Amino acid sequence: MLRKTIILEIILAIVLGAVAYGFYVDYAKAFKENQAAADRLAEVRLEEAQTEKEYRELDEELSSLRESVDLKILEIWKRRVAQLQKELE
């Protein structure tokens, strides 16, 4: 009877060890996938920050160009008004 109990305990220990090892393998795989996802998320956030910075720079450049165009249009109108004033005189 004792011999059967010892054999049963050994079999049970082997089965529980195999189940525990299966859980460990699944956990390790999930942990690696989670780490890879976290790394990719960090890369995406870095790219997002860089894209946002480029967007702000382009927006500033666009605003500068708009001001430049507005100033040139204003200069053209001033010259045209001056020409019209000379023609009226």
PDB file of N, CA and C in Angstrom:
ATOM      1  N   MET A   1       0.813  -1.188   0.000  1.00  0.00           N
ATOM      2  CA  MET A   1       0.000   0.000   0.000  1.00  0.00           C
ATOM      3  C   MET A   1       0.866   1.265   0.000  1.00  0.00           C
ATOM      4  N   LEU A   2       1.901   1.234   0.811  1.00  0.00           N
ATOM      5  CA  LEU A   2       2.816   2.371   0.874  1.00  0.00           C
ATOM      6  C   LEU A   2       3.501   2.574  -0.471  1.00  0.00           C
ATOM      7  N   ARG A   3       3.842   1.466  -1.109  1.00  0.00           N
ATOM      8  CA  ARG A   3       4.509   1.529  -2.397  1.00  0.00           C
ATOM      9  C   ARG A   3       3.571   2.172  -3.428  1.00  0.00           C
ATOM     10  N   LYS A   4       2.297   1.818  -3.439  1.00  0.00           N
ATOM     11  CA  LYS A   4       1.327   2.387  -4.366  1.00  0.00           C
ATOM     12  C   LYS A   4       1.147   3.879  -4.107  1.00  0.00           C
ATOM     13  N   THR A   5       1.154   4.275  -2.858  1.00  0.00           N
ATOM     14  CA  THR A   5       1.011   5.682  -2.493  1.00  0.00           C
ATOM     15  C   THR A   5       2.217   6.489  -2.984  1.00  0.00           C
ATOM     16  N   ILE A   6       3.401   5.935  -2.816  1.00  0.00           N
ATOM     17  CA  ILE A   6       4.621   6.624  -3.260  1.00  0.00           C
ATOM     18  C   ILE A   6       4.615   6.755  -4.782  1.00  0.00           C
ATOM     19  N   ILE A   7       4.235   5.701  -5.489  1.00  0.00           N
ATOM     20  CA  ILE A   7       4.176   5.753  -6.953  1.00  0.00           C
ATOM     21  C   ILE A   7       3.132   6.772  -7.397  1.00  0.00           C
ATOM     22  N   LEU A   8       1.988   6.768  -6.727  1.00  0.00           N
ATOM     23  CA  LEU A   8       0.935   7.732  -7.050  1.00  0.00           C
ATOM     24  C   LEU A   8       1.408   9.161  -6.800  1.00  0.00           C
ATOM     25  N   GLU A   9       2.122   9.399  -5.722  1.00  0.00           N
ATOM     26  CA  GLU A   9       2.667  10.731  -5.427  1.00  0.00           C
ATOM     27  C   GLU A   9       3.687  11.150  -6.470  1.00  0.00           C
ATOM     28  N   ILE A  10       4.510  10.219  -6.921  1.00  0.00           N
ATOM     29  CA  ILE A  10       5.508  10.535  -7.960  1.00  0.00           C
ATOM     30  C   ILE A  10       4.807  10.897  -9.258  1.00  0.00           C
ATOM     31  N   ILE A  11       3.804  10.097  -9.619  1.00  0.00           N
ATOM     32  CA  ILE A  11       3.047  10.392 -10.850  1.00  0.00           C
ATOM     33  C   ILE A  11       2.356  11.740 -10.725  1.00  0.00           C
ATOM     34  N   LEU A  12       1.735  11.977  -9.581  1.00  0.00           N
ATOM     35  CA  LEU A  12       1.071  13.253  -9.344  1.00  0.00           C
ATOM     36  C   LEU A  12       2.060  14.416  -9.398  1.00  0.00           C
ATOM     37  N   ALA A  13       3.236  14.247  -8.847  1.00  0.00           N
ATOM     38  CA  ALA A  13       4.265  15.291  -8.879  1.00  0.00           C
ATOM     39  C   ALA A  13       4.710  15.553 -10.314  1.00  0.00           C
ATOM     40  N   ILE A  14       4.854  14.495 -11.109  1.00  0.00           N
ATOM     41  CA  ILE A  14       5.259  14.655 -12.513  1.00  0.00           C
ATOM     42  C   ILE A  14       4.170  15.399 -13.287  1.00  0.00           C
ATOM     43  N   VAL A  15       2.906  15.002 -13.071  1.00  0.00           N
ATOM     44  CA  VAL A  15       1.797  15.658 -13.770  1.00  0.00           C
ATOM     45  C   VAL A  15       1.704  17.121 -13.357  1.00  0.00           C
ATOM     46  N   LEU A  16       1.773  17.389 -12.060  1.00  0.00           N
ATOM     47  CA  LEU A  16       1.716  18.778 -11.593  1.00  0.00           C
ATOM     48  C   LEU A  16       2.916  19.575 -12.096  1.00  0.00           C
ATOM     49  N   GLY A  17       4.080  18.961 -12.139  1.00  0.00           N
ATOM     50  CA  GLY A  17       5.265  19.633 -12.682  1.00  0.00           C
ATOM     51  C   GLY A  17       5.074  19.984 -14.147  1.00  0.00           C
ATOM     52  N   ALA A  18       4.494  19.048 -14.915  1.00  0.00           N
ATOM     53  CA  ALA A  18       4.259  19.302 -16.339  1.00  0.00           C
ATOM     54  C   ALA A  18       3.247  20.432 -16.517  1.00  0.00           C
ATOM     55  N   VAL A  19       2.194  20.434 -15.712  1.00  0.00           N
ATOM     56  CA  VAL A  19       1.195  21.503 -15.789  1.00  0.00           C
ATOM     57  C   VAL A  19       1.818  22.837 -15.391  1.00  0.00           C
ATOM     58  N   ALA A  20       2.594  22.824 -14.330  1.00  0.00           N
ATOM     59  CA  ALA A  20       3.251  24.057 -13.888  1.00  0.00           C
ATOM     60  C   ALA A  20       4.224  24.556 -14.948  1.00  0.00           C
ATOM     61  N   TYR A  21       4.954  23.641 -15.572  1.00  0.00           N
ATOM     62  CA  TYR A  21       5.880  24.031 -16.633  1.00  0.00           C
ATOM     63  C   TYR A  21       5.113  24.628 -17.810  1.00  0.00           C
ATOM     64  N   GLY A  22       3.956  24.042 -18.150  1.00  0.00           N
ATOM     65  CA  GLY A  22       3.125  24.593 -19.222  1.00  0.00           C
ATOM     66  C   GLY A  22       2.672  26.010 -18.903  1.00  0.00           C
ATOM     67  N   PHE A  23       2.246  26.229 -17.647  1.00  0.00           N
ATOM     68  CA  PHE A  23       1.868  27.591 -17.248  1.00  0.00           C
ATOM     69  C   PHE A  23       3.060  28.540 -17.310  1.00  0.00           C
ATOM     70  N   TYR A  24       4.225  28.049 -16.899  1.00  0.00           N
ATOM     71  CA  TYR A  24       5.425  28.877 -16.926  1.00  0.00           C
ATOM     72  C   TYR A  24       5.778  29.263 -18.362  1.00  0.00           C
ATOM     73  N   VAL A  25       5.705  28.298 -19.289  1.00  0.00           N
ATOM     74  CA  VAL A  25       6.017  28.583 -20.695  1.00  0.00           C
ATOM     75  C   VAL A  25       5.028  29.609 -21.253  1.00  0.00           C
ATOM     76  N   ASP A  26       3.745  29.425 -20.958  1.00  0.00           N
ATOM     77  CA  ASP A  26       2.735  30.388 -21.418  1.00  0.00           C
ATOM     78  C   ASP A  26       2.989  31.776 -20.829  1.00  0.00           C
ATOM     79  N   TYR A  27       3.341  31.825 -19.548  1.00  0.00           N
ATOM     80  CA  TYR A  27       3.611  33.102 -18.889  1.00  0.00           C
ATOM     81  C   TYR A  27       4.843  33.762 -19.496  1.00  0.00           C
ATOM     82  N   ALA A  28       5.895  32.981 -19.728  1.00  0.00           N
ATOM     83  CA  ALA A  28       7.115  33.543 -20.310  1.00  0.00           C
ATOM     84  C   ALA A  28       6.840  34.082 -21.712  1.00  0.00           C
ATOM     85  N   LYS A  29       6.047  33.341 -22.500  1.00  0.00           N
ATOM     86  CA  LYS A  29       5.710  33.795 -23.842  1.00  0.00           C
ATOM     87  C   LYS A  29       4.901  35.087 -23.782  1.00  0.00           C
ATOM     88  N   ALA A  30       3.910  35.118 -22.903  1.00  0.00           N
ATOM     89  CA  ALA A  30       3.087  36.331 -22.752  1.00  0.00           C
ATOM     90  C   ALA A  30       3.932  37.507 -22.276  1.00  0.00           C
ATOM     91  N   PHE A  31       4.873  37.238 -21.374  1.00  0.00           N
ATOM     92  CA  PHE A  31       5.745  38.294 -20.870  1.00  0.00           C
ATOM     93  C   PHE A  31       6.602  38.862 -21.994  1.00  0.00           C
ATOM     94  N   LYS A  32       7.170  37.991 -22.836  1.00  0.00           N
ATOM     95  CA  LYS A  32       7.992  38.452 -23.964  1.00  0.00           C
ATOM     96  C   LYS A  32       7.157  39.249 -24.956  1.00  0.00           C
ATOM     97  N   GLU A  33       5.940  38.770 -25.241  1.00  0.00           N
ATOM     98  CA  GLU A  33       5.068  39.501 -26.155  1.00  0.00           C
ATOM     99  C   GLU A  33       4.680  40.858 -25.576  1.00  0.00           C
ATOM    100  N   ASN A  34       4.439  40.900 -24.287  1.00  0.00           N
ATOM    101  CA  ASN A  34       4.103  42.155 -23.622  1.00  0.00           C
ATOM    102  C   ASN A  34       5.276  43.121 -23.679  1.00  0.00           C
ATOM    103  N   GLN A  35       6.475  42.607 -23.474  1.00  0.00           N
ATOM    104  CA  GLN A  35       7.671  43.452 -23.537  1.00  0.00           C
ATOM    105  C   GLN A  35       7.862  43.997 -24.948  1.00  0.00           C
ATOM    106  N   ALA A  36       7.651  43.133 -25.952  1.00  0.00           N
ATOM    107  CA  ALA A  36       7.771  43.583 -27.341  1.00  0.00           C
ATOM    108  C   ALA A  36       6.724  44.644 -27.654  1.00  0.00           C
ATOM    109  N   ALA A  37       5.508  44.444 -27.153  1.00  0.00           N
ATOM    110  CA  ALA A  37       4.451  45.438 -27.373  1.00  0.00           C
ATOM    111  C   ALA A  37       4.796  46.753 -26.672  1.00  0.00           C
ATOM    112  N   ALA A  38       5.364  46.671 -25.478  1.00  0.00           N
ATOM    113  CA  ALA A  38       5.752  47.885 -24.756  1.00  0.00           C
ATOM    114  C   ALA A  38       6.860  48.619 -25.497  1.00  0.00           C
ATOM    115  N   ASP A  39       7.813  47.874 -26.049  1.00  0.00           N
ATOM    116  CA  ASP A  39       8.884  48.495 -26.829  1.00  0.00           C
ATOM    117  C   ASP A  39       8.320  49.172 -28.078  1.00  0.00           C
ATOM    118  N   ARG A  40       7.410  48.487 -28.757  1.00  0.00           N
ATOM    119  CA  ARG A  40       6.798  49.057 -29.964  1.00  0.00           C
ATOM    120  C   ARG A  40       5.981  50.300 -29.613  1.00  0.00           C
ATOM    121  N   LEU A  41       5.290  50.261 -28.481  1.00  0.00           N
ATOM    122  CA  LEU A  41       4.521  51.423 -28.034  1.00  0.00           C
ATOM    123  C   LEU A  41       5.447  52.611 -27.773  1.00  0.00           C
ATOM    124  N   ALA A  42       6.597  52.344 -27.179  1.00  0.00           N
ATOM    125  CA  ALA A  42       7.559  53.423 -26.939  1.00  0.00           C
ATOM    126  C   ALA A  42       8.046  54.010 -28.258  1.00  0.00           C
ATOM    127  N   GLU A  43       8.300  53.141 -29.255  1.00  0.00           N
ATOM    128  CA  GLU A  43       8.724  53.628 -30.565  1.00  0.00           C
ATOM    129  C   GLU A  43       7.629  54.474 -31.209  1.00  0.00           C
ATOM    130  N   VAL A  44       6.395  54.004 -31.120  1.00  0.00           N
ATOM    131  CA  VAL A  44       5.280  54.731 -31.725  1.00  0.00           C
ATOM    132  C   VAL A  44       5.099  56.086 -31.051  1.00  0.00           C
ATOM    133  N   ARG A  45       5.232  56.115 -29.726  1.00  0.00           N
ATOM    134  CA  ARG A  45       5.103  57.399 -29.022  1.00  0.00           C
ATOM    135  C   ARG A  45       6.224  58.355 -29.409  1.00  0.00           C
ATOM    136  N   LEU A  46       7.438  57.816 -29.607  1.00  0.00           N
ATOM    137  CA  LEU A  46       8.552  58.648 -30.048  1.00  0.00           C
ATOM    138  C   LEU A  46       8.273  59.194 -31.444  1.00  0.00           C
ATOM    139  N   GLU A  47       7.781  58.320 -32.338  1.00  0.00           N
ATOM    140  CA  GLU A  47       7.432  58.768 -33.683  1.00  0.00           C
ATOM    141  C   GLU A  47       6.314  59.812 -33.643  1.00  0.00           C
ATOM    142  N   GLU A  48       5.362  59.607 -32.752  1.00  0.00           N
ATOM    143  CA  GLU A  48       4.258  60.558 -32.610  1.00  0.00           C
ATOM    144  C   GLU A  48       4.776  61.924 -32.161  1.00  0.00           C
ATOM    145  N   ALA A  49       5.683  61.913 -31.199  1.00  0.00           N
ATOM    146  CA  ALA A  49       6.254  63.173 -30.721  1.00  0.00           C
ATOM    147  C   ALA A  49       7.035  63.867 -31.829  1.00  0.00           C
ATOM    148  N   GLN A  50       7.793  63.073 -32.595  1.00  0.00           N
ATOM    149  CA  GLN A  50       8.560  63.652 -33.694  1.00  0.00           C
ATOM    150  C   GLN A  50       7.631  64.210 -34.768  1.00  0.00           C
ATOM    151  N   THR A  51       6.565  63.489 -35.074  1.00  0.00           N
ATOM    152  CA  THR A  51       5.597  63.967 -36.059  1.00  0.00           C
ATOM    153  C   THR A  51       4.918  65.240 -35.578  1.00  0.00           C
ATOM    154  N   GLU A  52       4.590  65.282 -34.296  1.00  0.00           N
ATOM    155  CA  GLU A  52       3.967  66.481 -33.726  1.00  0.00           C
ATOM    156  C   GLU A  52       4.918  67.675 -33.813  1.00  0.00           C
ATOM    157  N   LYS A  53       6.198  67.440 -33.546  1.00  0.00           N
ATOM    158  CA  LYS A  53       7.194  68.509 -33.633  1.00  0.00           C
ATOM    159  C   LYS A  53       7.297  69.009 -35.072  1.00  0.00           C
ATOM    160  N   GLU A  54       7.357  68.078 -36.041  1.00  0.00           N
ATOM    161  CA  GLU A  54       7.420  68.463 -37.446  1.00  0.00           C
ATOM    162  C   GLU A  54       6.162  69.230 -37.848  1.00  0.00           C
ATOM    163  N   TYR A  55       5.012  68.801 -37.345  1.00  0.00           N
ATOM    164  CA  TYR A  55       3.755  69.493 -37.637  1.00  0.00           C
ATOM    165  C   TYR A  55       3.802  70.932 -37.143  1.00  0.00           C
ATOM    166  N   ARG A  56       4.280  71.118 -35.906  1.00  0.00           N
ATOM    167  CA  ARG A  56       4.373  72.481 -35.362  1.00  0.00           C
ATOM    168  C   ARG A  56       5.335  73.335 -36.187  1.00  0.00           C
ATOM    169  N   GLU A  57       6.484  72.746 -36.587  1.00  0.00           N
ATOM    170  CA  GLU A  57       7.442  73.498 -37.393  1.00  0.00           C
ATOM    171  C   GLU A  57       6.837  73.897 -38.737  1.00  0.00           C
ATOM    172  N   LEU A  58       6.129  72.955 -39.370  1.00  0.00           N
ATOM    173  CA  LEU A  58       5.489  73.272 -40.645  1.00  0.00           C
ATOM    174  C   LEU A  58       4.389  74.313 -40.473  1.00  0.00           C
ATOM    175  N   ASP A  59       3.664  74.249 -39.365  1.00  0.00           N
ATOM    176  CA  ASP A  59       2.626  75.236 -39.101  1.00  0.00           C
ATOM    177  C   ASP A  59       3.239  76.622 -38.932  1.00  0.00           C
ATOM    178  N   GLU A  60       4.367  76.693 -38.214  1.00  0.00           N
ATOM    179  CA  GLU A  60       5.047  77.982 -38.047  1.00  0.00           C
ATOM    180  C   GLU A  60       5.552  78.500 -39.389  1.00  0.00           C
ATOM    181  N   GLU A  61       6.097  77.594 -40.214  1.00  0.00           N
ATOM    182  CA  GLU A  61       6.591  77.997 -41.526  1.00  0.00           C
ATOM    183  C   GLU A  61       5.439  78.476 -42.409  1.00  0.00           C
ATOM    184  N   LEU A  62       4.322  77.776 -42.328  1.00  0.00           N
ATOM    185  CA  LEU A  62       3.146  78.180 -43.101  1.00  0.00           C
ATOM    186  C   LEU A  62       2.640  79.552 -42.656  1.00  0.00           C
ATOM    187  N   SER A  63       2.626  79.788 -41.363  1.00  0.00           N
ATOM    188  CA  SER A  63       2.209  81.098 -40.857  1.00  0.00           C
ATOM    189  C   SER A  63       3.149  82.184 -41.342  1.00  0.00           C
ATOM    190  N   SER A  64       4.435  81.887 -41.334  1.00  0.00           N
ATOM    191  CA  SER A  64       5.425  82.849 -41.814  1.00  0.00           C
ATOM    192  C   SER A  64       5.208  83.146 -43.299  1.00  0.00           C
ATOM    193  N   LEU A  65       4.948  82.104 -44.065  1.00  0.00           N
ATOM    194  CA  LEU A  65       4.702  82.306 -45.499  1.00  0.00           C
ATOM    195  C   LEU A  65       3.432  83.119 -45.732  1.00  0.00           C
ATOM    196  N   ARG A  66       2.416  82.867 -44.939  1.00  0.00           N
ATOM    197  CA  ARG A  66       1.177  83.651 -45.070  1.00  0.00           C
ATOM    198  C   ARG A  66       1.441  85.122 -44.798  1.00  0.00           C
ATOM    199  N   GLU A  67       2.217  85.391 -43.737  1.00  0.00           N
ATOM    200  CA  GLU A  67       2.550  86.786 -43.425  1.00  0.00           C
ATOM    201  C   GLU A  67       3.335  87.415 -44.568  1.00  0.00           C
ATOM    202  N   SER A  68       4.268  86.646 -45.121  1.00  0.00           N
ATOM    203  CA  SER A  68       5.069  87.158 -46.225  1.00  0.00           C
ATOM    204  C   SER A  68       4.193  87.481 -47.435  1.00  0.00           C
ATOM    205  N   VAL A  69       3.271  86.566 -47.743  1.00  0.00           N
ATOM    206  CA  VAL A  69       2.365  86.800 -48.871  1.00  0.00           C
ATOM    207  C   VAL A  69       1.484  88.020 -48.599  1.00  0.00           C
ATOM    208  N   ASP A  70       0.966  88.117 -47.388  1.00  0.00           N
ATOM    209  CA  ASP A  70       0.131  89.263 -47.038  1.00  0.00           C
ATOM    210  C   ASP A  70       0.900  90.570 -47.180  1.00  0.00           C
ATOM    211  N   LEU A  71       2.162  90.578 -46.739  1.00  0.00           N
ATOM    212  CA  LEU A  71       2.974  91.791 -46.858  1.00  0.00           C
ATOM    213  C   LEU A  71       3.233  92.146 -48.315  1.00  0.00           C
ATOM    214  N   LYS A  72       3.496  91.143 -49.136  1.00  0.00           N
ATOM    215  CA  LYS A  72       3.738  91.418 -50.552  1.00  0.00           C
ATOM    216  C   LYS A  72       2.482  91.951 -51.231  1.00  0.00           C
ATOM    217  N   ILE A  73       1.329  91.369 -50.895  1.00  0.00           N
ATOM    218  CA  ILE A  73       0.065  91.867 -51.451  1.00  0.00           C
ATOM    219  C   ILE A  73      -0.163  93.308 -51.014  1.00  0.00           C
ATOM    220  N   LEU A  74       0.135  93.596 -49.748  1.00  0.00           N
ATOM    221  CA  LEU A  74      -0.029  94.958 -49.238  1.00  0.00           C
ATOM    222  C   LEU A  74       0.893  95.923 -49.979  1.00  0.00           C
ATOM    223  N   GLU A  75       2.132  95.514 -50.226  1.00  0.00           N
ATOM    224  CA  GLU A  75       3.060  96.373 -50.970  1.00  0.00           C
ATOM    225  C   GLU A  75       2.546  96.635 -52.385  1.00  0.00           C
ATOM    226  N   ILE A  76       2.033  95.567 -53.011  1.00  0.00           N
ATOM    227  CA  ILE A  76       1.500  95.726 -54.371  1.00  0.00           C
ATOM    228  C   ILE A  76       0.329  96.699 -54.359  1.00  0.00           C
ATOM    229  N   TRP A  77      -0.572  96.582 -53.402  1.00  0.00           N
ATOM    230  CA  TRP A  77      -1.716  97.498 -53.321  1.00  0.00           C
ATOM    231  C   TRP A  77      -1.259  98.926 -53.061  1.00  0.00           C
ATOM    232  N   LYS A  78      -0.247  99.079 -52.198  1.00  0.00           N
ATOM    233  CA  LYS A  78       0.258 100.431 -51.928  1.00  0.00           C
ATOM    234  C   LYS A  78       0.805 101.057 -53.205  1.00  0.00           C
ATOM    235  N   ARG A  79       1.582 100.273 -53.954  1.00  0.00           N
ATOM    236  CA  ARG A  79       2.122 100.805 -55.215  1.00  0.00           C
ATOM    237  C   ARG A  79       1.000 101.140 -56.198  1.00  0.00           C
ATOM    238  N   ARG A  80       0.020 100.265 -56.280  1.00  0.00           N
ATOM    239  CA  ARG A  80      -1.099 100.495 -57.201  1.00  0.00           C
ATOM    240  C   ARG A  80      -1.899 101.740 -56.798  1.00  0.00           C
ATOM    241  N   VAL A  81      -2.114 101.899 -55.487  1.00  0.00           N
ATOM    242  CA  VAL A  81      -2.821 103.089 -55.003  1.00  0.00           C
ATOM    243  C   VAL A  81      -2.001 104.337 -55.299  1.00  0.00           C
ATOM    244  N   ALA A  82      -0.692 104.245 -55.086  1.00  0.00           N
ATOM    245  CA  ALA A  82       0.164 105.399 -55.384  1.00  0.00           C
ATOM    246  C   ALA A  82       0.107 105.738 -56.870  1.00  0.00           C
ATOM    247  N   GLN A  83       0.117 104.711 -57.742  1.00  0.00           N
ATOM    248  CA  GLN A  83       0.017 104.960 -59.190  1.00  0.00           C
ATOM    249  C   GLN A  83      -1.322 105.607 -59.531  1.00  0.00           C
ATOM    250  N   LEU A  84      -2.395 105.089 -58.921  1.00  0.00           N
ATOM    251  CA  LEU A  84      -3.702 105.662 -59.200  1.00  0.00           C
ATOM    252  C   LEU A  84      -3.793 107.111 -58.709  1.00  0.00           C
ATOM    253  N   GLN A  85      -3.180 107.392 -57.573  1.00  0.00           N
ATOM    254  CA  GLN A  85      -3.177 108.779 -57.078  1.00  0.00           C
ATOM    255  C   GLN A  85      -2.424 109.696 -58.026  1.00  0.00           C
ATOM    256  N   LYS A  86      -1.300 109.206 -58.570  1.00  0.00           N
ATOM    257  CA  LYS A  86      -0.548 110.018 -59.522  1.00  0.00           C
ATOM    258  C   LYS A  86      -1.348 110.246 -60.802  1.00  0.00           C
ATOM    259  N   GLU A  87      -2.078 109.202 -61.216  1.00  0.00           N
ATOM    260  CA  GLU A  87      -2.889 109.353 -62.421  1.00  0.00           C
ATOM    261  C   GLU A  87      -4.053 110.326 -62.191  1.00  0.00           C
ATOM    262  N   LEU A  88      -4.567 110.342 -60.994  1.00  0.00           N
ATOM    263  CA  LEU A  88      -5.671 111.259 -60.694  1.00  0.00           C
ATOM    264  C   LEU A  88      -5.190 112.683 -60.592  1.00  0.00           C
ATOM    265  N   GLU A  89      -3.969 112.894 -60.220  1.00  0.00           N
ATOM    266  CA  GLU A  89      -3.440 114.248 -60.085  1.00  0.00           C
ATOM    267  C   GLU A  89      -3.053 114.768 -61.402  1.00  0.00           C
TER     268      GLU A  89
END
